[in-house]
Amino acid sequence: MKRLILTALLALACLSASATGQIHDKVIIDGETWEMPSSPLLSLDAREYEAFQELLGERNFVSTANYRGYVATWHVGRKGLYLDKVEVMQSNGKMKEIRMKELMTILKKHKHKGMIRAEWITGLVKIGKGAGPVDPDNPHAPSFADNWTLQLKKGRVKNM
């Protein structure tokens, strides 16, 4: 009987559980800040991603709103998607910026005119801004008032 009650309570708890929306990477286009639900840094090759994780250091604090533990800021310029900065969440709730010099050390093969271009990304990257209507079929999916898709080929923007 206890097992039946425990199973029923667990089932109810699972039904009422909800996921926390994630903090998105940012992308600047013509001075406007958009949100990027995908994180290009997650798509680095295994060796680069491991070096990136080491650079981030031990993260003794992870928010349910940011399981990655960092937020990257990008910009579209010179027909490419470029990394501007990476900030790591700290236990005091503040963000610590990783120096660009350190990022360039591990991502040197993507260095282009003094910047890091996301050359490891080919495909469609969805971005958005503003709060949009929640999809009742997928209430935890990002919802934006304005949506845009960047088509990238080796980090170069092919259409906007």
Protein backbone atom coordinates (compact mmCIF):
# COMPACT_ATOMS: atom_id res chain seq x y z
CA MET A 1 0.00 0.00 0.00
CA LYS A 2 2.83 2.40 0.86
CA ARG A 3 4.43 1.65 -2.48
CA LEU A 4 1.18 2.45 -4.32
CA ILE A 5 0.75 5.76 -2.48
CA LEU A 6 4.40 6.68 -3.08
CA THR A 7 4.05 5.86 -6.79
CA ALA A 8 0.92 7.99 -7.06
CA LEU A 9 2.58 10.93 -5.31
CA LEU A 10 5.63 10.64 -7.54
CA ALA A 11 3.43 10.61 -10.64
CA LEU A 12 1.63 13.76 -9.47
CA ALA A 13 4.93 15.48 -8.73
CA CYS A 14 6.20 14.66 -12.22
CA LEU A 15 3.05 16.07 -13.81
CA SER A 16 3.36 19.34 -11.93
CA ALA A 17 7.12 19.74 -12.53
CA SER A 18 8.15 22.41 -14.95
CA ALA A 19 11.44 23.31 -16.57
CA THR A 20 13.15 26.63 -16.05
CA GLY A 21 13.69 28.68 -19.19
CA GLN A 22 17.38 28.99 -20.02
CA ILE A 23 19.37 32.22 -20.26
CA HIS A 24 20.26 32.56 -23.93
CA ASP A 25 23.41 33.70 -25.63
CA LYS A 26 23.14 37.25 -27.01
CA VAL A 27 23.81 38.44 -30.56
CA ILE A 28 24.13 42.08 -31.59
CA ILE A 29 22.91 43.02 -35.08
CA ASP A 30 23.00 46.66 -36.18
CA GLY A 31 23.12 47.79 -32.54
CA GLU A 32 20.10 45.70 -31.49
CA THR A 33 20.44 42.85 -29.01
CA TRP A 34 18.76 39.59 -29.97
CA GLU A 35 18.64 36.30 -28.06
CA MET A 36 20.07 33.09 -29.47
CA PRO A 37 18.55 29.97 -27.87
CA SER A 38 21.27 27.77 -29.36
CA SER A 39 24.81 28.12 -28.09
CA PRO A 40 27.42 27.92 -30.86
CA LEU A 41 30.19 27.13 -28.36
CA LEU A 42 28.50 23.79 -27.61
CA SER A 43 29.28 22.79 -31.21
CA LEU A 44 33.06 23.23 -31.02
CA ASP A 45 35.06 20.13 -31.91
CA ALA A 46 35.80 17.88 -28.93
CA ARG A 47 39.36 19.10 -28.36
CA GLU A 48 38.39 22.78 -28.50
CA TYR A 49 35.34 22.24 -26.32
CA GLU A 50 37.43 20.46 -23.68
CA ALA A 51 39.93 23.36 -23.69
CA PHE A 52 37.01 25.81 -23.45
CA GLN A 53 35.61 23.95 -20.44
CA GLU A 54 39.04 24.07 -18.76
CA LEU A 55 39.22 27.80 -19.44
CA LEU A 56 35.85 28.31 -17.76
CA GLY A 57 37.29 26.63 -14.69
CA GLU A 58 35.49 24.85 -11.92
CA ARG A 59 32.03 26.27 -11.59
CA ASN A 60 30.82 25.81 -8.05
CA PHE A 61 27.56 27.52 -8.92
CA VAL A 62 25.12 26.55 -11.62
CA SER A 63 21.72 28.17 -11.95
CA THR A 64 18.73 26.16 -13.13
CA ALA A 65 18.31 28.99 -15.65
CA ASN A 66 21.83 28.44 -16.99
CA TYR A 67 23.03 24.83 -16.87
CA ARG A 68 25.96 25.70 -19.15
CA GLY A 69 27.22 28.12 -16.50
CA TYR A 70 28.13 30.82 -19.02
CA VAL A 71 26.60 33.33 -21.42
CA ALA A 72 28.31 34.27 -24.68
CA THR A 73 27.77 37.51 -26.56
CA TRP A 74 28.17 37.55 -30.34
CA HIS A 75 27.81 40.09 -33.12
CA VAL A 76 27.11 39.94 -36.82
CA GLY A 77 29.63 41.97 -38.77
CA ARG A 78 31.68 41.74 -41.94
CA LYS A 79 29.25 39.05 -43.04
CA GLY A 80 30.17 36.74 -40.18
CA LEU A 81 29.11 35.69 -36.68
CA TYR A 82 31.82 36.75 -34.22
CA LEU A 83 32.35 36.03 -30.53
CA ASP A 84 32.61 39.18 -28.39
CA LYS A 85 32.78 37.81 -24.86
CA VAL A 86 32.00 34.91 -22.55
CA GLU A 87 30.83 35.49 -19.01
CA VAL A 88 30.87 32.75 -16.35
CA MET A 89 28.35 32.64 -13.52
CA GLN A 90 29.85 32.99 -10.04
CA SER A 91 28.47 31.78 -6.71
CA ASN A 92 27.81 35.40 -5.64
CA GLY A 93 25.40 35.80 -8.57
CA LYS A 94 27.76 38.01 -10.57
CA MET A 95 29.29 37.25 -13.93
CA LYS A 96 33.06 37.02 -14.52
CA GLU A 97 34.25 37.79 -18.03
CA ILE A 98 36.78 35.45 -19.67
CA ARG A 99 39.52 37.49 -21.32
CA MET A 100 39.40 37.51 -25.13
CA LYS A 101 43.16 36.80 -25.20
CA GLU A 102 42.49 33.48 -23.43
CA LEU A 103 39.62 32.62 -25.77
CA MET A 104 41.82 33.36 -28.79
CA THR A 105 44.47 31.01 -27.44
CA ILE A 106 42.13 28.01 -27.55
CA LEU A 107 40.16 29.11 -30.64
CA LYS A 108 43.13 30.38 -32.65
CA LYS A 109 42.22 28.50 -35.81
CA HIS A 110 38.99 30.55 -35.94
CA LYS A 111 40.78 33.88 -35.56
CA HIS A 112 39.88 36.28 -38.36
CA LYS A 113 41.12 39.90 -38.40
CA GLY A 114 41.62 39.95 -34.63
CA MET A 115 38.24 38.38 -33.85
CA ILE A 116 36.88 34.87 -33.40
CA ARG A 117 34.51 33.91 -36.22
CA ALA A 118 32.16 30.95 -35.59
CA GLU A 119 33.60 28.97 -38.52
CA TRP A 120 32.53 25.68 -36.93
CA ILE A 121 28.86 26.59 -37.51
CA THR A 122 27.06 25.78 -40.76
CA GLY A 123 23.29 25.80 -40.90
CA LEU A 124 20.37 27.81 -39.61
CA VAL A 125 20.62 29.75 -36.35
CA LYS A 126 17.36 31.06 -34.92
CA ILE A 127 17.36 34.30 -32.98
CA GLY A 128 14.61 36.41 -31.47
CA LYS A 129 13.73 39.31 -29.23
CA GLY A 130 10.79 40.40 -27.15
CA ALA A 131 8.30 38.18 -25.36
CA GLY A 132 6.01 36.27 -27.67
CA PRO A 133 2.99 34.02 -27.14
CA VAL A 134 3.65 30.75 -25.36
CA ASP A 135 3.15 27.62 -27.46
CA PRO A 136 0.63 25.49 -25.52
CA ASP A 137 2.10 22.32 -27.06
CA ASN A 138 5.64 23.26 -25.98
CA PRO A 139 5.39 25.82 -23.16
CA HIS A 140 9.11 25.65 -22.31
CA ALA A 141 10.32 26.45 -25.82
CA PRO A 142 11.68 29.96 -26.36
CA SER A 143 8.95 32.32 -27.53
CA PHE A 144 9.81 35.65 -29.14
CA ALA A 145 7.74 38.51 -30.54
CA ASP A 146 10.27 38.96 -33.37
CA ASN A 147 12.01 35.96 -34.92
CA TRP A 148 14.83 35.83 -37.40
CA THR A 149 16.93 33.06 -38.88
CA LEU A 150 20.57 33.47 -39.81
CA GLN A 151 21.90 31.12 -42.47
CA LEU A 152 25.56 30.43 -41.78
CA LYS A 153 28.18 28.62 -43.79
CA LYS A 154 31.43 28.16 -41.87
CA GLY A 155 30.58 31.17 -39.71
CA ARG A 156 29.79 33.45 -42.63
CA VAL A 157 26.28 34.90 -42.82
CA LYS A 158 24.74 33.89 -46.15
CA ASN A 159 21.42 35.69 -45.73
CA MET A 160 19.70 37.88 -43.17
